[in-house]
Amino acid sequence: MSISLTMEIMQAAAATAIKIGAPILIVSLIIGLVIAVFQAATQIHEQTLTFVPKLFITAIILIMAGPWMMEVMADFTYYIFELMLTVH
């Protein structure tokens, strides 16, 4: 296995991880910012006020995007297995 092939695999793995993690992280970031602005405006500093909405939104995103995430992971796994057949 050459260094260029190893770098290609690592790049594909990083791109897949970012592609899968981005929807959850972006939505959690937006919800966190909205709640932080709300807390600053109302001067309510309750810890559970930020945790519970993020938990529910993350669960909803996982339910909605779960099949797509599994498809992306399956495609990456198929790609890796195809590479395993070509490497001697």
Foldseek 3Di string as FASTA:
>chain_A
DDPVVVVVLVVLVVVLVCVLPVVLVVVLVVLQVVQVVVCVVVVDDDPVSSVVVSVVVSVVCCVVCVVVNVVSVVVSVVVVVVVVVVDD
